[in-house]
Amino acid sequence: MSSLPSFFSPAKPRRFHYTPLYYDPEKEALQQKIAMIEKELGLREGEAYVPKIRRGQMATYFRRKSQRREKASNLRLLVILAILFLLSYILLYS
């Protein structure tokens, strides 16, 4: 008997769900630009942008860069001197 009421129950009317759309081309263009910049910076949603260069870092960068150049120059000079000494030894004592 419990199956009989569902047989005779009237059908419920369908509801009409309409969500109005508002198209703002400026807002959409802005959102696309923001998404593109976040993609370039490697950000994910919800992350804050943290700059990679911190205060005072550029001064140490240039100092380290000049030190590397000096090391490379000194090493190159030592290699050239060693080759010259080797060549002079071979030419003089052979």
PDB file of N, CA and C in Angstrom:
ATOM      1  N   MET A   1       0.804  -1.191   0.000  1.00  0.00           N
ATOM      2  CA  MET A   1       0.000   0.000   0.000  1.00  0.00           C
ATOM      3  C   MET A   1       0.858   1.272   0.000  1.00  0.00           C
ATOM      4  N   SER A   2       2.100   1.148   0.406  1.00  0.00           N
ATOM      5  CA  SER A   2       2.950   2.316   0.448  1.00  0.00           C
ATOM      6  C   SER A   2       3.347   2.772  -0.957  1.00  0.00           C
ATOM      7  N   SER A   3       3.282   1.884  -1.944  1.00  0.00           N
ATOM      8  CA  SER A   3       3.649   2.267  -3.299  1.00  0.00           C
ATOM      9  C   SER A   3       2.515   3.005  -4.019  1.00  0.00           C
ATOM     10  N   LEU A   4       1.298   2.886  -3.549  1.00  0.00           N
ATOM     11  CA  LEU A   4       0.167   3.527  -4.199  1.00  0.00           C
ATOM     12  C   LEU A   4       0.199   5.054  -4.120  1.00  0.00           C
ATOM     13  N   PRO A   5       0.555   5.674  -2.989  1.00  0.00           N
ATOM     14  CA  PRO A   5       0.540   7.132  -2.984  1.00  0.00           C
ATOM     15  C   PRO A   5       1.544   7.747  -3.963  1.00  0.00           C
ATOM     16  N   SER A   6       2.688   7.113  -4.172  1.00  0.00           N
ATOM     17  CA  SER A   6       3.640   7.686  -5.109  1.00  0.00           C
ATOM     18  C   SER A   6       3.152   7.557  -6.541  1.00  0.00           C
ATOM     19  N   PHE A   7       2.283   6.599  -6.764  1.00  0.00           N
ATOM     20  CA  PHE A   7       1.707   6.427  -8.079  1.00  0.00           C
ATOM     21  C   PHE A   7       0.760   7.567  -8.442  1.00  0.00           C
ATOM     22  N   PHE A   8       0.021   7.996  -7.451  1.00  0.00           N
ATOM     23  CA  PHE A   8      -1.021   8.979  -7.716  1.00  0.00           C
ATOM     24  C   PHE A   8      -0.647  10.397  -7.298  1.00  0.00           C
ATOM     25  N   SER A   9       0.570  10.605  -6.871  1.00  0.00           N
ATOM     26  CA  SER A   9       0.944  11.959  -6.439  1.00  0.00           C
ATOM     27  C   SER A   9       1.105  12.849  -7.674  1.00  0.00           C
ATOM     28  N   PRO A  10       0.640  14.054  -7.591  1.00  0.00           N
ATOM     29  CA  PRO A  10       0.744  14.951  -8.744  1.00  0.00           C
ATOM     30  C   PRO A  10       2.213  15.371  -8.968  1.00  0.00           C
ATOM     31  N   ALA A  11       2.568  15.603 -10.183  1.00  0.00           N
ATOM     32  CA  ALA A  11       3.929  16.010 -10.517  1.00  0.00           C
ATOM     33  C   ALA A  11       4.157  17.441 -10.050  1.00  0.00           C
ATOM     34  N   LYS A  12       5.348  17.684  -9.501  1.00  0.00           N
ATOM     35  CA  LYS A  12       5.669  19.039  -9.052  1.00  0.00           C
ATOM     36  C   LYS A  12       6.080  19.873 -10.262  1.00  0.00           C
ATOM     37  N   PRO A  13       5.691  21.108 -10.254  1.00  0.00           N
ATOM     38  CA  PRO A  13       6.050  21.945 -11.393  1.00  0.00           C
ATOM     39  C   PRO A  13       7.566  22.211 -11.414  1.00  0.00           C
ATOM     40  N   ARG A  14       8.100  22.293 -12.596  1.00  0.00           N
ATOM     41  CA  ARG A  14       9.525  22.606 -12.750  1.00  0.00           C
ATOM     42  C   ARG A  14       9.756  24.074 -12.432  1.00  0.00           C
ATOM     43  N   ARG A  15      10.859  24.342 -11.796  1.00  0.00           N
ATOM     44  CA  ARG A  15      11.198  25.728 -11.501  1.00  0.00           C
ATOM     45  C   ARG A  15      12.116  26.268 -12.579  1.00  0.00           C
ATOM     46  N   PHE A  16      11.967  27.528 -12.816  1.00  0.00           N
ATOM     47  CA  PHE A  16      12.782  28.188 -13.824  1.00  0.00           C
ATOM     48  C   PHE A  16      13.860  28.990 -13.097  1.00  0.00           C
ATOM     49  N   HIS A  17      15.112  28.576 -13.275  1.00  0.00           N
ATOM     50  CA  HIS A  17      16.228  29.266 -12.633  1.00  0.00           C
ATOM     51  C   HIS A  17      16.953  30.099 -13.687  1.00  0.00           C
ATOM     52  N   TYR A  18      16.866  31.369 -13.509  1.00  0.00           N
ATOM     53  CA  TYR A  18      17.541  32.289 -14.428  1.00  0.00           C
ATOM     54  C   TYR A  18      18.498  33.148 -13.620  1.00  0.00           C
ATOM     55  N   THR A  19      19.780  33.058 -13.958  1.00  0.00           N
ATOM     56  CA  THR A  19      20.760  33.931 -13.331  1.00  0.00           C
ATOM     57  C   THR A  19      21.143  34.983 -14.368  1.00  0.00           C
ATOM     58  N   PRO A  20      20.847  36.225 -14.102  1.00  0.00           N
ATOM     59  CA  PRO A  20      21.140  37.268 -15.087  1.00  0.00           C
ATOM     60  C   PRO A  20      22.647  37.437 -15.263  1.00  0.00           C
ATOM     61  N   LEU A  21      23.060  37.641 -16.487  1.00  0.00           N
ATOM     62  CA  LEU A  21      24.462  37.838 -16.816  1.00  0.00           C
ATOM     63  C   LEU A  21      24.694  39.302 -17.134  1.00  0.00           C
ATOM     64  N   TYR A  22      25.780  39.828 -16.581  1.00  0.00           N
ATOM     65  CA  TYR A  22      26.151  41.196 -16.878  1.00  0.00           C
ATOM     66  C   TYR A  22      27.553  41.144 -17.461  1.00  0.00           C
ATOM     67  N   TYR A  23      27.714  41.581 -18.655  1.00  0.00           N
ATOM     68  CA  TYR A  23      29.001  41.518 -19.339  1.00  0.00           C
ATOM     69  C   TYR A  23      29.668  42.877 -19.288  1.00  0.00           C
ATOM     70  N   ASP A  24      30.822  42.927 -18.631  1.00  0.00           N
ATOM     71  CA  ASP A  24      31.605  44.152 -18.556  1.00  0.00           C
ATOM     72  C   ASP A  24      32.942  43.878 -19.245  1.00  0.00           C
ATOM     73  N   PRO A  25      33.133  44.369 -20.470  1.00  0.00           N
ATOM     74  CA  PRO A  25      34.360  44.057 -21.201  1.00  0.00           C
ATOM     75  C   PRO A  25      35.617  44.604 -20.522  1.00  0.00           C
ATOM     76  N   GLU A  26      35.519  45.746 -19.858  1.00  0.00           N
ATOM     77  CA  GLU A  26      36.688  46.306 -19.173  1.00  0.00           C
ATOM     78  C   GLU A  26      37.116  45.425 -18.008  1.00  0.00           C
ATOM     79  N   LYS A  27      36.149  44.959 -17.241  1.00  0.00           N
ATOM     80  CA  LYS A  27      36.455  44.099 -16.100  1.00  0.00           C
ATOM     81  C   LYS A  27      37.059  42.777 -16.572  1.00  0.00           C
ATOM     82  N   GLU A  28      36.520  42.220 -17.636  1.00  0.00           N
ATOM     83  CA  GLU A  28      37.044  40.960 -18.162  1.00  0.00           C
ATOM     84  C   GLU A  28      38.471  41.142 -18.696  1.00  0.00           C
ATOM     85  N   ALA A  29      38.738  42.252 -19.378  1.00  0.00           N
ATOM     86  CA  ALA A  29      40.088  42.525 -19.878  1.00  0.00           C
ATOM     87  C   ALA A  29      41.066  42.677 -18.711  1.00  0.00           C
ATOM     88  N   LEU A  30      40.641  43.359 -17.652  1.00  0.00           N
ATOM     89  CA  LEU A  30      41.478  43.527 -16.469  1.00  0.00           C
ATOM     90  C   LEU A  30      41.782  42.178 -15.821  1.00  0.00           C
ATOM     91  N   GLN A  31      40.776  41.331 -15.701  1.00  0.00           N
ATOM     92  CA  GLN A  31      40.988  40.007 -15.099  1.00  0.00           C
ATOM     93  C   GLN A  31      41.934  39.165 -15.955  1.00  0.00           C
ATOM     94  N   GLN A  32      41.834  39.272 -17.269  1.00  0.00           N
ATOM     95  CA  GLN A  32      42.744  38.533 -18.143  1.00  0.00           C
ATOM     96  C   GLN A  32      44.179  39.025 -17.984  1.00  0.00           C
ATOM     97  N   LYS A  33      44.362  40.345 -17.884  1.00  0.00           N
ATOM     98  CA  LYS A  33      45.705  40.895 -17.690  1.00  0.00           C
ATOM     99  C   LYS A  33      46.294  40.457 -16.361  1.00  0.00           C
ATOM    100  N   ILE A  34      45.470  40.481 -15.306  1.00  0.00           N
ATOM    101  CA  ILE A  34      45.943  40.055 -13.990  1.00  0.00           C
ATOM    102  C   ILE A  34      46.340  38.582 -14.029  1.00  0.00           C
ATOM    103  N   ALA A  35      45.532  37.748 -14.661  1.00  0.00           N
ATOM    104  CA  ALA A  35      45.842  36.320 -14.752  1.00  0.00           C
ATOM    105  C   ALA A  35      47.124  36.098 -15.543  1.00  0.00           C
ATOM    106  N   MET A  36      47.334  36.866 -16.607  1.00  0.00           N
ATOM    107  CA  MET A  36      48.533  36.719 -17.422  1.00  0.00           C
ATOM    108  C   MET A  36      49.780  37.123 -16.625  1.00  0.00           C
ATOM    109  N   ILE A  37      49.686  38.212 -15.879  1.00  0.00           N
ATOM    110  CA  ILE A  37      50.825  38.662 -15.078  1.00  0.00           C
ATOM    111  C   ILE A  37      51.124  37.666 -13.960  1.00  0.00           C
ATOM    112  N   GLU A  38      50.084  37.141 -13.323  1.00  0.00           N
ATOM    113  CA  GLU A  38      50.303  36.140 -12.279  1.00  0.00           C
ATOM    114  C   GLU A  38      50.947  34.884 -12.859  1.00  0.00           C
ATOM    115  N   LYS A  39      50.563  34.540 -14.074  1.00  0.00           N
ATOM    116  CA  LYS A  39      51.157  33.371 -14.718  1.00  0.00           C
ATOM    117  C   LYS A  39      52.637  33.623 -15.005  1.00  0.00           C
ATOM    118  N   GLU A  40      52.978  34.840 -15.461  1.00  0.00           N
ATOM    119  CA  GLU A  40      54.369  35.180 -15.735  1.00  0.00           C
ATOM    120  C   GLU A  40      55.207  35.181 -14.463  1.00  0.00           C
ATOM    121  N   LEU A  41      54.606  35.651 -13.368  1.00  0.00           N
ATOM    122  CA  LEU A  41      55.332  35.712 -12.101  1.00  0.00           C
ATOM    123  C   LEU A  41      55.361  34.357 -11.395  1.00  0.00           C
ATOM    124  N   GLY A  42      54.582  33.423 -11.881  1.00  0.00           N
ATOM    125  CA  GLY A  42      54.562  32.100 -11.277  1.00  0.00           C
ATOM    126  C   GLY A  42      53.743  32.045 -10.005  1.00  0.00           C
ATOM    127  N   LEU A  43      52.743  32.878  -9.898  1.00  0.00           N
ATOM    128  CA  LEU A  43      51.897  32.891  -8.708  1.00  0.00           C
ATOM    129  C   LEU A  43      50.723  31.948  -8.882  1.00  0.00           C
ATOM    130  N   ARG A  44      50.272  31.433  -7.775  1.00  0.00           N
ATOM    131  CA  ARG A  44      49.049  30.628  -7.773  1.00  0.00           C
ATOM    132  C   ARG A  44      47.967  31.450  -7.089  1.00  0.00           C
ATOM    133  N   GLU A  45      46.749  30.971  -7.155  1.00  0.00           N
ATOM    134  CA  GLU A  45      45.653  31.718  -6.547  1.00  0.00           C
ATOM    135  C   GLU A  45      45.849  31.778  -5.042  1.00  0.00           C
ATOM    136  N   GLY A  46      45.665  32.959  -4.485  1.00  0.00           N
ATOM    137  CA  GLY A  46      45.760  33.126  -3.045  1.00  0.00           C
ATOM    138  C   GLY A  46      47.160  33.453  -2.554  1.00  0.00           C
ATOM    139  N   GLU A  47      48.160  33.373  -3.398  1.00  0.00           N
ATOM    140  CA  GLU A  47      49.518  33.700  -2.983  1.00  0.00           C
ATOM    141  C   GLU A  47      49.763  35.189  -3.149  1.00  0.00           C
ATOM    142  N   ALA A  48      50.585  35.720  -2.287  1.00  0.00           N
ATOM    143  CA  ALA A  48      50.956  37.127  -2.396  1.00  0.00           C
ATOM    144  C   ALA A  48      52.273  37.227  -3.164  1.00  0.00           C
ATOM    145  N   TYR A  49      52.447  38.328  -3.854  1.00  0.00           N
ATOM    146  CA  TYR A  49      53.683  38.538  -4.614  1.00  0.00           C
ATOM    147  C   TYR A  49      54.789  38.957  -3.661  1.00  0.00           C
ATOM    148  N   VAL A  50      55.885  38.214  -3.703  1.00  0.00           N
ATOM    149  CA  VAL A  50      57.054  38.543  -2.895  1.00  0.00           C
ATOM    150  C   VAL A  50      58.195  38.811  -3.872  1.00  0.00           C
ATOM    151  N   PRO A  51      58.731  40.033  -3.890  1.00  0.00           N
ATOM    152  CA  PRO A  51      59.797  40.336  -4.834  1.00  0.00           C
ATOM    153  C   PRO A  51      61.054  39.522  -4.520  1.00  0.00           C
ATOM    154  N   LYS A  52      61.766  39.119  -5.554  1.00  0.00           N
ATOM    155  CA  LYS A  52      62.968  38.319  -5.377  1.00  0.00           C
ATOM    156  C   LYS A  52      64.157  39.185  -4.980  1.00  0.00           C
ATOM    157  N   ILE A  53      64.159  40.435  -5.380  1.00  0.00           N
ATOM    158  CA  ILE A  53      65.255  41.340  -5.054  1.00  0.00           C
ATOM    159  C   ILE A  53      64.887  42.078  -3.779  1.00  0.00           C
ATOM    160  N   ARG A  54      65.732  41.937  -2.793  1.00  0.00           N
ATOM    161  CA  ARG A  54      65.486  42.608  -1.525  1.00  0.00           C
ATOM    162  C   ARG A  54      66.422  43.798  -1.370  1.00  0.00           C
ATOM    163  N   ARG A  55      66.145  44.606  -0.391  1.00  0.00           N
ATOM    164  CA  ARG A  55      66.912  45.827  -0.162  1.00  0.00           C
ATOM    165  C   ARG A  55      68.374  45.489   0.131  1.00  0.00           C
ATOM    166  N   GLY A  56      69.278  46.171  -0.560  1.00  0.00           N
ATOM    167  CA  GLY A  56      70.704  45.973  -0.353  1.00  0.00           C
ATOM    168  C   GLY A  56      71.284  44.823  -1.148  1.00  0.00           C
ATOM    169  N   GLN A  57      70.447  44.093  -1.832  1.00  0.00           N
ATOM    170  CA  GLN A  57      70.921  42.919  -2.565  1.00  0.00           C
ATOM    171  C   GLN A  57      71.682  43.307  -3.825  1.00  0.00           C
ATOM    172  N   MET A  58      71.317  44.415  -4.440  1.00  0.00           N
ATOM    173  CA  MET A  58      71.989  44.812  -5.674  1.00  0.00           C
ATOM    174  C   MET A  58      73.434  45.225  -5.412  1.00  0.00           C
ATOM    175  N   ALA A  59      73.695  45.891  -4.295  1.00  0.00           N
ATOM    176  CA  ALA A  59      75.062  46.312  -3.975  1.00  0.00           C
ATOM    177  C   ALA A  59      75.960  45.099  -3.796  1.00  0.00           C
ATOM    178  N   THR A  60      75.474  44.093  -3.084  1.00  0.00           N
ATOM    179  CA  THR A  60      76.282  42.879  -2.891  1.00  0.00           C
ATOM    180  C   THR A  60      76.413  42.104  -4.199  1.00  0.00           C
ATOM    181  N   TYR A  61      75.404  42.197  -5.051  1.00  0.00           N
ATOM    182  CA  TYR A  61      75.465  41.495  -6.335  1.00  0.00           C
ATOM    183  C   TYR A  61      76.624  42.024  -7.179  1.00  0.00           C
ATOM    184  N   PHE A  62      76.731  43.352  -7.277  1.00  0.00           N
ATOM    185  CA  PHE A  62      77.802  43.930  -8.093  1.00  0.00           C
ATOM    186  C   PHE A  62      79.170  43.664  -7.478  1.00  0.00           C
ATOM    187  N   ARG A  63      79.248  43.673  -6.156  1.00  0.00           N
ATOM    188  CA  ARG A  63      80.507  43.394  -5.483  1.00  0.00           C
ATOM    189  C   ARG A  63      80.932  41.938  -5.751  1.00  0.00           C
ATOM    190  N   ARG A  64      80.002  41.012  -5.614  1.00  0.00           N
ATOM    191  CA  ARG A  64      80.316  39.599  -5.875  1.00  0.00           C
ATOM    192  C   ARG A  64      80.684  39.380  -7.338  1.00  0.00           C
ATOM    193  N   LYS A  65      80.000  40.091  -8.227  1.00  0.00           N
ATOM    194  CA  LYS A  65      80.284  39.940  -9.651  1.00  0.00           C
ATOM    195  C   LYS A  65      81.702  40.406  -9.971  1.00  0.00           C
ATOM    196  N   SER A  66      82.135  41.507  -9.399  1.00  0.00           N
ATOM    197  CA  SER A  66      83.495  41.992  -9.645  1.00  0.00           C
ATOM    198  C   SER A  66      84.527  41.054  -9.023  1.00  0.00           C
ATOM    199  N   GLN A  67      84.215  40.471  -7.866  1.00  0.00           N
ATOM    200  CA  GLN A  67      85.128  39.502  -7.248  1.00  0.00           C
ATOM    201  C   GLN A  67      85.279  38.259  -8.129  1.00  0.00           C
ATOM    202  N   ARG A  68      84.198  37.808  -8.722  1.00  0.00           N
ATOM    203  CA  ARG A  68      84.267  36.649  -9.626  1.00  0.00           C
ATOM    204  C   ARG A  68      85.141  36.967 -10.835  1.00  0.00           C
ATOM    205  N   ARG A  69      85.005  38.175 -11.367  1.00  0.00           N
ATOM    206  CA  ARG A  69      85.833  38.569 -12.516  1.00  0.00           C
ATOM    207  C   ARG A  69      87.308  38.577 -12.145  1.00  0.00           C
ATOM    208  N   GLU A  70      87.618  39.096 -10.957  1.00  0.00           N
ATOM    209  CA  GLU A  70      89.012  39.127 -10.511  1.00  0.00           C
ATOM    210  C   GLU A  70      89.561  37.710 -10.358  1.00  0.00           C
ATOM    211  N   LYS A  71      88.767  36.815  -9.778  1.00  0.00           N
ATOM    212  CA  LYS A  71      89.210  35.426  -9.615  1.00  0.00           C
ATOM    213  C   LYS A  71      89.472  34.783 -10.972  1.00  0.00           C
ATOM    214  N   ALA A  72      88.552  34.976 -11.902  1.00  0.00           N
ATOM    215  CA  ALA A  72      88.702  34.399 -13.233  1.00  0.00           C
ATOM    216  C   ALA A  72      89.937  34.958 -13.918  1.00  0.00           C
ATOM    217  N   SER A  73      90.167  36.254 -13.761  1.00  0.00           N
ATOM    218  CA  SER A  73      91.327  36.893 -14.373  1.00  0.00           C
ATOM    219  C   SER A  73      92.628  36.358 -13.764  1.00  0.00           C
ATOM    220  N   ASN A  74      92.661  36.218 -12.455  1.00  0.00           N
ATOM    221  CA  ASN A  74      93.856  35.688 -11.787  1.00  0.00           C
ATOM    222  C   ASN A  74      94.127  34.249 -12.192  1.00  0.00           C
ATOM    223  N   LEU A  75      93.092  33.450 -12.279  1.00  0.00           N
ATOM    224  CA  LEU A  75      93.247  32.049 -12.680  1.00  0.00           C
ATOM    225  C   LEU A  75      93.762  31.965 -14.120  1.00  0.00           C
ATOM    226  N   ARG A  76      93.228  32.775 -15.005  1.00  0.00           N
ATOM    227  CA  ARG A  76      93.666  32.795 -16.394  1.00  0.00           C
ATOM    228  C   ARG A  76      95.145  33.187 -16.486  1.00  0.00           C
ATOM    229  N   LEU A  77      95.547  34.176 -15.688  1.00  0.00           N
ATOM    230  CA  LEU A  77      96.941  34.615 -15.667  1.00  0.00           C
ATOM    231  C   LEU A  77      97.860  33.483 -15.190  1.00  0.00           C
ATOM    232  N   LEU A  78      97.455  32.748 -14.161  1.00  0.00           N
ATOM    233  CA  LEU A  78      98.254  31.623 -13.670  1.00  0.00           C
ATOM    234  C   LEU A  78      98.397  30.522 -14.712  1.00  0.00           C
ATOM    235  N   VAL A  79      97.324  30.226 -15.415  1.00  0.00           N
ATOM    236  CA  VAL A  79      97.371  29.188 -16.453  1.00  0.00           C
ATOM    237  C   VAL A  79      98.305  29.615 -17.576  1.00  0.00           C
ATOM    238  N   ILE A  80      98.217  30.853 -18.000  1.00  0.00           N
ATOM    239  CA  ILE A  80      99.088  31.346 -19.074  1.00  0.00           C
ATOM    240  C   ILE A  80     100.550  31.309 -18.637  1.00  0.00           C
ATOM    241  N   LEU A  81     100.840  31.733 -17.400  1.00  0.00           N
ATOM    242  CA  LEU A  81     102.217  31.693 -16.892  1.00  0.00           C
ATOM    243  C   LEU A  81     102.745  30.263 -16.813  1.00  0.00           C
ATOM    244  N   ALA A  82     101.911  29.330 -16.378  1.00  0.00           N
ATOM    245  CA  ALA A  82     102.334  27.936 -16.292  1.00  0.00           C
ATOM    246  C   ALA A  82     102.664  27.395 -17.684  1.00  0.00           C
ATOM    247  N   ILE A  83     101.846  27.712 -18.666  1.00  0.00           N
ATOM    248  CA  ILE A  83     102.102  27.252 -20.039  1.00  0.00           C
ATOM    249  C   ILE A  83     103.391  27.866 -20.568  1.00  0.00           C
ATOM    250  N   LEU A  84     103.611  29.151 -20.302  1.00  0.00           N
ATOM    251  CA  LEU A  84     104.841  29.805 -20.759  1.00  0.00           C
ATOM    252  C   LEU A  84     106.081  29.196 -20.103  1.00  0.00           C
ATOM    253  N   PHE A  85     106.016  28.940 -18.795  1.00  0.00           N
ATOM    254  CA  PHE A  85     107.147  28.308 -18.118  1.00  0.00           C
ATOM    255  C   PHE A  85     107.406  26.908 -18.671  1.00  0.00           C
ATOM    256  N   LEU A  86     106.347  26.170 -18.937  1.00  0.00           N
ATOM    257  CA  LEU A  86     106.492  24.821 -19.487  1.00  0.00           C
ATOM    258  C   LEU A  86     107.125  24.874 -20.878  1.00  0.00           C
ATOM    259  N   LEU A  87     106.660  25.792 -21.712  1.00  0.00           N
ATOM    260  CA  LEU A  87     107.225  25.935 -23.059  1.00  0.00           C
ATOM    261  C   LEU A  87     108.693  26.376 -23.006  1.00  0.00           C
ATOM    262  N   SER A  88     109.006  27.329 -22.124  1.00  0.00           N
ATOM    263  CA  SER A  88     110.401  27.775 -22.029  1.00  0.00           C
ATOM    264  C   SER A  88     111.303  26.660 -21.494  1.00  0.00           C
ATOM    265  N   TYR A  89     110.820  25.862 -20.567  1.00  0.00           N
ATOM    266  CA  TYR A  89     111.599  24.741 -20.041  1.00  0.00           C
ATOM    267  C   TYR A  89     111.872  23.713 -21.146  1.00  0.00           C
ATOM    268  N   ILE A  90     110.818  23.415 -21.935  1.00  0.00           N
ATOM    269  CA  ILE A  90     110.977  22.442 -23.023  1.00  0.00           C
ATOM    270  C   ILE A  90     111.943  22.971 -24.072  1.00  0.00           C
ATOM    271  N   LEU A  91     111.839  24.243 -24.440  1.00  0.00           N
ATOM    272  CA  LEU A  91     112.713  24.809 -25.464  1.00  0.00           C
ATOM    273  C   LEU A  91     114.165  24.962 -25.001  1.00  0.00           C
ATOM    274  N   LEU A  92     114.376  25.306 -23.760  1.00  0.00           N
ATOM    275  CA  LEU A  92     115.720  25.553 -23.257  1.00  0.00           C
ATOM    276  C   LEU A  92     116.468  24.269 -22.859  1.00  0.00           C
ATOM    277  N   TYR A  93     115.782  23.303 -22.305  1.00  0.00           N
ATOM    278  CA  TYR A  93     116.458  22.120 -21.778  1.00  0.00           C
ATOM    279  C   TYR A  93     116.231  20.875 -22.616  1.00  0.00           C
ATOM    280  N   SER A  94     115.732  20.981 -23.805  1.00  0.00           N
ATOM    281  CA  SER A  94     115.586  19.803 -24.639  1.00  0.00           C
ATOM    282  C   SER A  94     116.554  19.807 -25.795  1.00  0.00           C
TER     283      SER A  94
END
